[in-house]
Amino acid sequence: MDADLKSIAAARRAAETAFEAYRAFLGTDPAQVDAIVDAMARAIEPEAERLGQLAVEETGYGNVPDKRVKNLFNALSVADYLRDVTTLGMLWRDDATKIAAFGEPMGVVAALVPVTNPTSTIIFKVLSAVKAGNAIVCAPHPRGVSCGIETVRIMARVAEQMGAPKGLIQCLDAVTIQGTAELMRHRRTSVVMATGGPAMVKAAYSSGKPTLAVGAGNVPCYVHKSKARDLAEVAEMIVTSKSFDYGTACVSEQAVVADPEIARDLRHELKLKGAYFCTPAEADRLAGVIFKGAQAMDPERVGQSPQALADAAGFSIPPRTRCLVSEETEVGWQRPLSAEKLNPVLAFYEAKSTDHGIELAQSIAKFEGWGHSSVIHSDDADVVARFATVPTGRVLVNTPGIMGGMGYSTDLEPSFMLGTGTWSGSITSDNVTALHLINIKRVAYESRPWRDIYEEYGA
């Protein structure tokens, strides 16, 4: 049997097994569900670094310390959030309106997993799906199968020890595009959670199943002149966020836009924090190795260190460089580094004014980043309000893009799936959580005499 047929058969078996496990799991006491979720999260904690190591070794993307942090964020912060969320049974009751809401599982979740975050995304989606009473089948990227299987193995084993039915949590081990497509459109699949590249997301929306998917992020970061005294901290936030896991997070900053009054000082502070400003010739060579034809990134340049990128582009940088910066004046494919870059590379723009800075941020977000996230550093509430017209689902204020967007340094819902709204064809602009994986049933009693409709509307 060839690989395509093998993967299709495996997807069908997984979907059927998951459906049977889901049916067996139906009606499980919510307290028991919570105990299973907690146990899975605790099992990941001591394995976070090892799973990060496996992910880096298999995919070649990112770095182990930050992969470990991503795994722990989901095992700790996401799990803590879920502990206080009611997903099953009565969600709320309003005696005044005589309405009560009840949460019920959706069924079998098909979870597409990106190669950039192959273990942390699985941790997030498994915890969320099971918290909502669902079964889940993870479909990893072909380049991240082994680390994905190991992550699921740890979580499934603990869940079964806690009483979950076998097959509730699965990972495909024979992965092809055809197999993943079969999983998504299978009759037993109820909902698709798709995180990945544009082709994967498009395939998910074409599956004919309800789909939660996320788009690309080209995150503008506008630094207003009101932060003149805080530029050292602003620079640290930007460089830390962009260099985190070598830039593999879609919510990290992609372009800095600085007011003219503080642009020079911000450049200086960025350099002190480890940013290397490329010469125009170096920036052109860098763009040439990051982007390869068809206006797409070269997969081999994703999640690479600044040193590896500079070496590939043929120039030298200081050994402690944390990210590379290209000075830009235009937005669009005529300047490829103005697009989303899943590596530690930033574009830098000096605005002519506050109005121009906000306009630039708008243009950047609309270029390959509709609906995702934007960042502003400002102490002027009026400027923040004006900036908030940028077409993104998250406007993050005075915080790093990645830490703020995923809900660590803000009070957004902790999530590793950030919706991009109808701006980019998504059904939600929320930080996706377990609450997006339940059906909500409303029980409504009569609150006014039904015959009054004839008198009220003159029938």
Protein backbone atom coordinates (compact mmCIF):
# COMPACT_ATOMS: atom_id res chain seq x y z
CA MET A 1 0.00 0.00 0.00
CA ASP A 2 1.45 3.39 -0.95
CA ALA A 3 1.86 6.20 1.58
CA ASP A 4 -1.25 8.11 0.49
CA LEU A 5 -3.57 5.12 0.79
CA LYS A 6 -1.97 4.09 4.07
CA SER A 7 -2.53 7.55 5.56
CA ILE A 8 -6.14 7.67 4.35
CA ALA A 9 -6.85 4.30 5.94
CA ALA A 10 -5.17 5.41 9.17
CA ALA A 11 -7.25 8.60 9.25
CA ARG A 12 -10.47 6.64 8.80
CA ARG A 13 -9.57 4.24 11.61
CA ALA A 14 -8.62 7.10 13.91
CA ALA A 15 -11.87 8.97 13.27
CA GLU A 16 -14.01 5.89 13.91
CA THR A 17 -12.07 5.00 17.07
CA ALA A 18 -12.31 8.59 18.30
CA PHE A 19 -16.06 8.63 17.73
CA GLU A 20 -16.55 5.48 19.79
CA ALA A 21 -14.38 6.92 22.56
CA TYR A 22 -16.34 10.17 22.44
CA ARG A 23 -19.60 8.28 22.85
CA ALA A 24 -18.15 6.42 25.84
CA PHE A 25 -16.93 9.72 27.32
CA LEU A 26 -20.33 11.41 26.98
CA GLY A 27 -21.93 12.05 30.33
CA THR A 28 -18.68 11.93 32.27
CA ASP A 29 -19.00 14.05 35.38
CA PRO A 30 -17.46 17.50 34.77
CA ALA A 31 -15.35 17.09 37.92
CA GLN A 32 -13.87 13.91 36.46
CA VAL A 33 -13.22 15.70 33.16
CA ASP A 34 -11.37 18.41 35.09
CA ALA A 35 -9.31 15.78 36.90
CA ILE A 36 -8.28 14.25 33.58
CA VAL A 37 -7.30 17.64 32.16
CA ASP A 38 -5.29 18.49 35.28
CA ALA A 39 -3.52 15.13 35.19
CA MET A 40 -2.53 15.59 31.54
CA ALA A 41 -1.18 19.07 32.26
CA ARG A 42 0.84 17.82 35.22
CA ALA A 43 2.27 15.00 33.11
CA ILE A 44 3.58 17.49 30.55
CA GLU A 45 5.37 19.70 33.08
CA PRO A 46 8.39 17.42 33.75
CA GLU A 47 8.52 16.51 30.05
CA ALA A 48 8.43 20.07 28.70
CA GLU A 49 12.15 20.37 27.99
CA ARG A 50 12.48 16.89 26.49
CA LEU A 51 9.55 17.52 24.17
CA GLY A 52 11.11 20.83 23.17
CA GLN A 53 14.35 19.03 22.38
CA LEU A 54 12.51 16.47 20.27
CA ALA A 55 10.70 19.25 18.40
CA VAL A 56 13.90 21.13 17.56
CA GLU A 57 15.74 17.97 16.53
CA GLU A 58 12.95 16.78 14.24
CA THR A 59 11.81 20.06 12.67
CA GLY A 60 15.02 22.07 12.77
CA TYR A 61 12.99 25.10 13.88
CA GLY A 62 13.39 27.26 16.98
CA ASN A 63 15.39 26.59 20.12
CA VAL A 64 14.95 24.29 23.10
CA PRO A 65 14.67 26.84 25.97
CA ASP A 66 11.81 28.69 24.27
CA LYS A 67 10.10 25.49 23.10
CA ARG A 68 10.15 24.46 26.76
CA VAL A 69 8.50 27.75 27.76
CA LYS A 70 5.79 27.27 25.12
CA ASN A 71 5.07 23.77 26.41
CA LEU A 72 4.93 24.99 30.00
CA PHE A 73 2.68 27.93 29.13
CA ASN A 74 0.09 25.48 27.89
CA ALA A 75 0.61 22.95 30.68
CA LEU A 76 0.41 25.64 33.37
CA SER A 77 -1.25 28.89 32.24
CA VAL A 78 -3.78 27.35 29.87
CA ALA A 79 -4.55 24.57 32.34
CA ASP A 80 -5.00 27.11 35.16
CA TYR A 81 -7.44 29.08 33.00
CA LEU A 82 -9.41 25.97 32.08
CA ARG A 83 -9.71 24.99 35.73
CA ASP A 84 -11.98 27.97 36.35
CA VAL A 85 -14.05 27.64 33.17
CA THR A 86 -17.34 25.74 33.04
CA THR A 87 -17.81 23.94 29.74
CA LEU A 88 -20.18 21.05 30.48
CA GLY A 89 -23.58 21.01 32.14
CA MET A 90 -25.20 24.26 33.27
CA LEU A 91 -23.13 27.25 32.19
CA TRP A 92 -25.43 29.93 33.57
CA ARG A 93 -29.00 30.59 34.61
CA ASP A 94 -30.94 33.85 34.54
CA ASP A 95 -34.08 33.70 36.64
CA ALA A 96 -35.22 37.12 35.41
CA THR A 97 -35.39 35.99 31.78
CA LYS A 98 -36.12 32.34 32.59
CA ILE A 99 -33.24 31.13 30.44
CA ALA A 100 -30.54 28.60 31.35
CA ALA A 101 -27.57 27.64 29.16
CA PHE A 102 -26.00 24.19 29.03
CA GLY A 103 -22.73 23.16 27.43
CA GLU A 104 -22.48 19.97 25.39
CA PRO A 105 -19.49 18.53 23.49
CA MET A 106 -19.18 18.88 19.74
CA GLY A 107 -17.81 15.38 19.14
CA VAL A 108 -14.60 14.50 17.34
CA VAL A 109 -12.07 17.30 16.83
CA ALA A 110 -9.64 17.09 13.92
CA ALA A 111 -6.64 19.12 15.06
CA LEU A 112 -4.14 20.25 12.43
CA VAL A 113 -0.76 20.99 13.98
CA PRO A 114 1.86 23.42 12.59
CA VAL A 115 5.49 22.45 12.16
CA THR A 116 6.58 25.63 13.96
CA ASN A 117 4.92 24.62 17.24
CA PRO A 118 4.51 20.85 16.97
CA THR A 119 4.33 19.98 20.67
CA SER A 120 2.92 23.10 22.33
CA THR A 121 0.00 23.29 19.90
CA ILE A 122 -0.89 19.67 20.61
CA ILE A 123 -0.80 20.31 24.36
CA PHE A 124 -3.12 23.29 23.92
CA LYS A 125 -5.59 21.56 21.60
CA VAL A 126 -5.75 18.33 23.60
CA LEU A 127 -6.37 20.14 26.90
CA SER A 128 -9.03 22.34 25.29
CA ALA A 129 -10.80 19.54 23.43
CA VAL A 130 -10.99 17.18 26.40
CA LYS A 131 -12.07 20.00 28.74
CA ALA A 132 -15.01 20.44 26.36
CA GLY A 133 -15.82 16.72 26.52
CA ASN A 134 -14.60 15.92 23.01
CA ALA A 135 -12.37 13.32 21.42
CA ILE A 136 -9.42 14.62 19.41
CA VAL A 137 -7.26 13.33 16.58
CA CYS A 138 -4.10 15.35 15.94
CA ALA A 139 -2.71 15.58 12.42
CA PRO A 140 0.90 16.75 12.70
CA HIS A 141 2.98 18.25 9.93
CA PRO A 142 5.04 15.54 8.18
CA ARG A 143 8.15 17.21 9.55
CA GLY A 144 6.87 16.98 13.15
CA VAL A 145 5.31 13.53 13.41
CA SER A 146 7.58 11.88 15.99
CA CYS A 147 7.50 14.69 18.54
CA GLY A 148 3.75 14.99 18.03
CA ILE A 149 3.20 11.30 18.63
CA GLU A 150 5.28 11.43 21.81
CA THR A 151 3.33 14.42 23.14
CA VAL A 152 0.02 12.67 22.52
CA ARG A 153 1.35 9.42 24.00
CA ILE A 154 2.14 11.14 27.30
CA MET A 155 -1.24 12.85 27.51
CA ALA A 156 -3.32 9.88 26.33
CA ARG A 157 -1.64 7.47 28.74
CA VAL A 158 -2.37 9.66 31.74
CA ALA A 159 -5.93 10.35 30.58
CA GLU A 160 -6.62 6.63 30.27
CA GLN A 161 -5.14 6.01 33.71
CA MET A 162 -7.64 8.57 35.01
CA GLY A 163 -10.55 6.76 33.39
CA ALA A 164 -10.77 8.29 29.90
CA PRO A 165 -11.66 5.76 27.19
CA LYS A 166 -8.87 4.51 24.96
CA GLY A 167 -8.83 6.38 21.66
CA LEU A 168 -10.14 9.65 23.07
CA ILE A 169 -6.78 11.29 22.30
CA GLN A 170 -4.90 10.22 19.18
CA CYS A 171 -2.20 11.32 16.76
CA LEU A 172 -1.87 10.20 13.17
CA ASP A 173 1.41 8.41 12.55
CA ALA A 174 1.07 8.06 8.79
CA VAL A 175 0.77 11.65 7.59
CA THR A 176 0.13 12.88 4.07
CA ILE A 177 -1.94 15.71 2.65
CA GLN A 178 -4.49 13.14 1.50
CA GLY A 179 -4.71 11.52 4.93
CA THR A 180 -5.20 14.82 6.71
CA ALA A 181 -7.88 15.80 4.18
CA GLU A 182 -9.67 12.50 4.82
CA LEU A 183 -9.61 13.12 8.57
CA MET A 184 -11.11 16.58 8.15
CA ARG A 185 -13.99 15.50 5.93
CA HIS A 186 -14.69 12.15 7.60
CA ARG A 187 -18.30 11.60 8.64
CA ARG A 188 -17.25 11.17 12.28
CA THR A 189 -15.38 14.47 12.44
CA SER A 190 -17.47 17.24 13.99
CA VAL A 191 -15.14 20.24 13.92
CA VAL A 192 -11.70 21.14 12.57
CA MET A 193 -9.08 23.16 14.44
CA ALA A 194 -6.56 24.30 11.84
CA THR A 195 -3.27 25.96 12.64
CA GLY A 196 -0.71 26.10 9.86
CA GLY A 197 0.20 27.66 6.56
CA PRO A 198 -2.24 29.25 4.09
CA ALA A 199 -2.63 26.04 2.07
CA MET A 200 -3.53 24.02 5.15
CA VAL A 201 -6.03 26.61 6.35
CA LYS A 202 -7.63 26.79 2.90
CA ALA A 203 -7.95 23.00 2.84
CA ALA A 204 -9.59 23.05 6.26
CA TYR A 205 -12.20 25.58 5.15
CA SER A 206 -12.84 23.45 2.06
CA SER A 207 -13.47 20.30 4.10
CA GLY A 208 -17.18 20.95 4.49
CA LYS A 209 -16.89 20.81 8.28
CA PRO A 210 -17.22 23.61 10.84
CA THR A 211 -13.72 25.02 11.12
CA LEU A 212 -11.76 27.13 13.55
CA ALA A 213 -8.73 28.37 11.65
CA VAL A 214 -6.21 31.15 11.96
CA GLY A 215 -4.50 33.27 9.35
CA ALA A 216 -1.04 34.73 8.95
CA GLY A 217 0.17 37.54 11.17
CA ASN A 218 2.17 40.54 9.96
CA VAL A 219 2.24 42.34 13.29
CA PRO A 220 3.04 46.08 13.24
CA CYS A 221 4.54 47.57 16.39
CA TYR A 222 4.10 51.33 16.63
CA VAL A 223 6.25 53.22 19.15
CA HIS A 224 4.80 56.63 20.00
CA LYS A 225 6.88 59.58 21.14
CA SER A 226 5.19 59.51 24.57
CA LYS A 227 7.44 56.52 25.39
CA ALA A 228 10.63 58.58 25.01
CA ARG A 229 11.71 57.86 28.60
CA ASP A 230 10.97 54.14 28.37
CA LEU A 231 12.72 53.20 25.15
CA ALA A 232 15.15 50.79 26.81
CA GLU A 233 12.24 48.71 28.11
CA VAL A 234 10.35 49.03 24.82
CA ALA A 235 13.42 47.80 22.94
CA GLU A 236 13.83 44.86 25.31
CA MET A 237 10.19 43.87 24.78
CA ILE A 238 10.48 44.06 21.00
CA VAL A 239 13.75 42.13 20.73
CA THR A 240 12.71 39.48 23.26
CA SER A 241 9.38 38.90 21.54
CA LYS A 242 10.80 38.77 18.02
CA SER A 243 13.72 36.52 18.94
CA PHE A 244 11.58 34.15 21.04
CA ASP A 245 11.94 30.64 19.60
CA TYR A 246 13.70 32.28 16.65
CA GLY A 247 10.57 34.08 15.50
CA THR A 248 8.29 31.08 14.94
CA ALA A 249 5.24 32.73 16.55
CA CYS A 250 2.81 34.54 14.23
CA VAL A 251 1.98 37.00 17.03
CA SER A 252 5.52 38.33 17.42
CA GLU A 253 6.40 41.75 16.05
CA GLN A 254 7.18 41.88 12.33
CA ALA A 255 7.75 45.59 11.78
CA VAL A 256 8.60 48.47 14.11
CA VAL A 257 7.19 51.90 13.27
CA ALA A 258 8.80 54.72 15.25
CA ASP A 259 7.78 58.35 15.63
CA PRO A 260 10.45 60.68 14.20
CA GLU A 261 11.10 62.26 17.61
CA ILE A 262 12.27 58.96 19.11
CA ALA A 263 13.40 56.90 16.09
CA ARG A 264 17.12 57.59 16.54
CA ASP A 265 17.08 56.74 20.24
CA LEU A 266 14.99 53.62 19.63
CA ARG A 267 17.50 52.39 17.07
CA HIS A 268 20.24 52.88 19.66
CA GLU A 269 18.33 50.97 22.34
CA LEU A 270 17.46 48.15 19.96
CA LYS A 271 21.15 47.76 19.14
CA LEU A 272 21.99 47.63 22.85
CA LYS A 273 19.45 44.83 23.27
CA GLY A 274 21.00 42.73 20.52
CA ALA A 275 19.43 43.96 17.27
CA TYR A 276 21.72 44.15 14.25
CA PHE A 277 20.76 46.76 11.66
CA CYS A 278 21.62 45.46 8.20
CA THR A 279 23.10 47.60 5.47
CA PRO A 280 20.85 47.96 2.40
CA ALA A 281 22.97 45.41 0.54
CA GLU A 282 22.83 42.96 3.45
CA ALA A 283 19.06 43.40 3.72
CA ASP A 284 18.62 42.61 0.03
CA ARG A 285 20.73 39.46 0.36
CA LEU A 286 18.79 38.49 3.47
CA ALA A 287 15.47 38.89 1.65
CA GLY A 288 16.86 36.74 -1.15
CA VAL A 289 17.54 33.79 1.13
CA ILE A 290 14.36 34.09 3.25
CA PHE A 291 11.92 34.34 0.34
CA LYS A 292 12.00 31.95 -2.59
CA GLY A 293 9.71 32.58 -5.56
CA ALA A 294 5.92 32.84 -5.50
CA GLN A 295 6.17 35.37 -2.69
CA ALA A 296 6.65 32.61 -0.12
CA MET A 297 9.16 31.92 2.61
CA ASP A 298 11.81 29.26 2.10
CA PRO A 299 10.87 26.61 4.71
CA GLU A 300 14.55 26.06 5.43
CA ARG A 301 14.86 29.64 6.71
CA VAL A 302 11.96 29.41 9.16
CA GLY A 303 12.88 29.40 12.85
CA GLN A 304 16.62 29.82 12.25
CA SER A 305 19.04 31.77 14.43
CA PRO A 306 20.22 35.24 13.34
CA GLN A 307 23.70 33.78 12.88
CA ALA A 308 22.44 31.06 10.54
CA LEU A 309 20.46 33.57 8.50
CA ALA A 310 23.38 35.97 8.22
CA ASP A 311 25.71 33.14 7.20
CA ALA A 312 23.28 32.06 4.49
CA ALA A 313 23.08 35.65 3.24
CA GLY A 314 26.85 36.01 3.23
CA PHE A 315 27.53 38.62 5.90
CA SER A 316 28.88 38.64 9.44
CA ILE A 317 27.16 39.78 12.63
CA PRO A 318 28.24 40.09 16.27
CA PRO A 319 28.03 36.77 18.15
CA ARG A 320 25.40 37.99 20.61
CA THR A 321 22.98 39.27 17.97
CA ARG A 322 19.38 38.36 18.85
CA CYS A 323 17.58 39.64 15.76
CA LEU A 324 18.26 41.23 12.39
CA VAL A 325 16.69 44.53 11.33
CA SER A 326 16.09 45.95 7.88
CA GLU A 327 15.36 49.67 7.47
CA GLU A 328 12.34 50.00 5.17
CA THR A 329 10.26 52.78 3.63
CA GLU A 330 7.74 50.79 1.57
CA VAL A 331 5.19 48.06 2.29
CA GLY A 332 4.49 45.32 -0.25
CA TRP A 333 6.15 42.50 -2.16
CA GLN A 334 8.52 44.96 -3.80
CA ARG A 335 10.11 44.93 -0.31
CA PRO A 336 9.78 41.30 0.86
CA LEU A 337 11.02 41.99 4.38
CA SER A 338 7.88 44.04 4.98
CA ALA A 339 5.93 40.75 4.96
CA GLU A 340 5.52 38.16 7.73
CA LYS A 341 8.85 36.54 8.57
CA LEU A 342 8.84 33.44 10.78
CA ASN A 343 12.37 34.04 11.95
CA PRO A 344 14.18 36.71 14.02
CA VAL A 345 14.04 39.42 11.35
CA LEU A 346 12.34 42.81 11.81
CA ALA A 347 11.49 45.63 9.45
CA PHE A 348 12.01 49.16 10.82
CA TYR A 349 10.16 52.27 9.64
CA GLU A 350 10.69 55.86 10.71
CA ALA A 351 7.33 57.61 10.47
CA LYS A 352 6.98 61.26 9.50
CA SER A 353 4.36 61.91 12.18
CA THR A 354 1.91 60.14 14.48
CA ASP A 355 -0.71 60.10 11.73
CA HIS A 356 1.82 58.64 9.31
CA GLY A 357 2.89 56.05 11.88
CA ILE A 358 -0.67 54.82 12.31
CA GLU A 359 -1.12 54.76 8.53
CA LEU A 360 2.03 52.65 8.18
CA ALA A 361 0.78 50.25 10.83
CA GLN A 362 -2.50 49.96 8.94
CA SER A 363 -0.66 49.17 5.71
CA ILE A 364 1.56 46.56 7.36
CA ALA A 365 -1.37 44.76 8.99
CA LYS A 366 -3.28 44.75 5.70
CA PHE A 367 -0.27 43.27 3.89
CA GLU A 368 -0.31 39.56 4.72
CA GLY A 369 -1.59 40.11 8.27
CA TRP A 370 -5.28 40.99 8.15
CA GLY A 371 -7.03 40.32 11.44
CA HIS A 372 -4.20 38.92 13.54
CA SER A 373 -2.52 41.28 16.01
CA SER A 374 -0.92 44.69 16.38
CA VAL A 375 1.19 46.31 19.10
CA ILE A 376 1.44 49.90 20.29
CA HIS A 377 3.73 51.44 22.88
CA SER A 378 2.17 54.71 24.03
CA ASP A 379 1.15 56.56 27.17
CA ASP A 380 -1.36 58.68 25.25
CA ALA A 381 -4.85 57.16 25.52
CA ASP A 382 -6.11 59.17 22.55
CA VAL A 383 -3.32 57.82 20.35
CA VAL A 384 -4.06 54.27 21.50
CA ALA A 385 -7.72 54.77 20.57
CA ARG A 386 -6.74 56.01 17.10
CA PHE A 387 -4.30 53.14 16.63
CA ALA A 388 -7.02 50.65 17.61
CA THR A 389 -8.62 51.18 14.18
CA VAL A 390 -5.94 48.85 12.78
CA PRO A 391 -7.79 45.79 11.37
CA THR A 392 -6.54 43.22 13.87
CA GLY A 393 -8.29 41.02 16.41
CA ARG A 394 -5.84 41.99 19.14
CA VAL A 395 -4.42 45.45 19.82
CA LEU A 396 -1.72 44.95 22.44
CA VAL A 397 -0.70 47.98 24.48
CA ASN A 398 2.70 48.41 26.16
CA THR A 399 3.50 44.71 26.17
CA PRO A 400 5.47 42.28 23.98
CA GLY A 401 3.53 40.85 21.07
CA ILE A 402 3.94 37.17 21.87
CA MET A 403 3.48 37.40 25.65
CA GLY A 404 0.51 39.75 25.30
CA GLY A 405 -1.20 38.03 22.40
CA MET A 406 -1.15 34.55 23.88
CA GLY A 407 -2.58 35.88 27.14
CA TYR A 408 0.39 35.75 29.50
CA SER A 409 1.16 39.44 30.08
CA THR A 410 -2.43 40.52 29.35
CA ASP A 411 -5.75 39.20 30.62
CA LEU A 412 -6.72 37.84 27.23
CA GLU A 413 -7.73 34.19 27.34
CA PRO A 414 -4.57 32.05 27.39
CA SER A 415 -4.44 30.43 23.98
CA PHE A 416 -2.16 29.03 21.30
CA MET A 417 -4.75 29.62 18.59
CA LEU A 418 -5.42 33.27 17.85
CA GLY A 419 -8.39 33.91 15.59
CA THR A 420 -8.10 36.44 12.78
CA GLY A 421 -11.78 37.10 12.13
CA THR A 422 -13.52 37.66 8.84
CA TRP A 423 -10.69 40.02 7.88
CA SER A 424 -8.85 36.89 6.74
CA GLY A 425 -11.73 34.44 6.32
CA SER A 426 -11.85 33.09 9.88
CA ILE A 427 -15.05 32.56 11.87
CA THR A 428 -13.66 34.20 15.02
CA SER A 429 -11.20 36.88 16.09
CA ASP A 430 -11.10 35.48 19.63
CA ASN A 431 -8.30 33.77 21.44
CA VAL A 432 -9.71 30.28 20.90
CA THR A 433 -10.44 28.23 24.03
CA ALA A 434 -12.41 25.18 25.12
CA LEU A 435 -15.53 27.36 25.03
CA HIS A 436 -15.27 27.38 21.23
CA LEU A 437 -15.49 23.58 21.25
CA ILE A 438 -18.91 23.17 22.86
CA ASN A 439 -22.46 23.51 21.63
CA ILE A 440 -24.51 25.77 23.88
CA LYS A 441 -28.08 24.69 24.46
CA ARG A 442 -30.50 27.28 25.85
CA VAL A 443 -33.54 26.23 27.82
CA ALA A 444 -36.08 29.07 27.68
CA TYR A 445 -39.42 29.23 29.54
CA GLU A 446 -42.32 31.36 28.40
CA SER A 447 -41.83 34.83 29.85
CA ARG A 448 -44.79 36.68 28.30
CA PRO A 449 -48.18 35.42 27.07
CA TRP A 450 -47.79 34.16 23.54
CA ARG A 451 -51.27 35.33 22.47
CA ASP A 452 -50.23 38.95 23.10
CA ILE A 453 -48.40 38.95 19.76
CA TYR A 454 -51.73 39.40 17.96
CA GLU A 455 -52.71 42.40 20.05
CA GLU A 456 -49.24 43.98 19.96
CA TYR A 457 -48.80 43.71 16.19
CA GLY A 458 -52.43 44.21 15.23
CA ALA A 459 -52.97 40.79 13.73
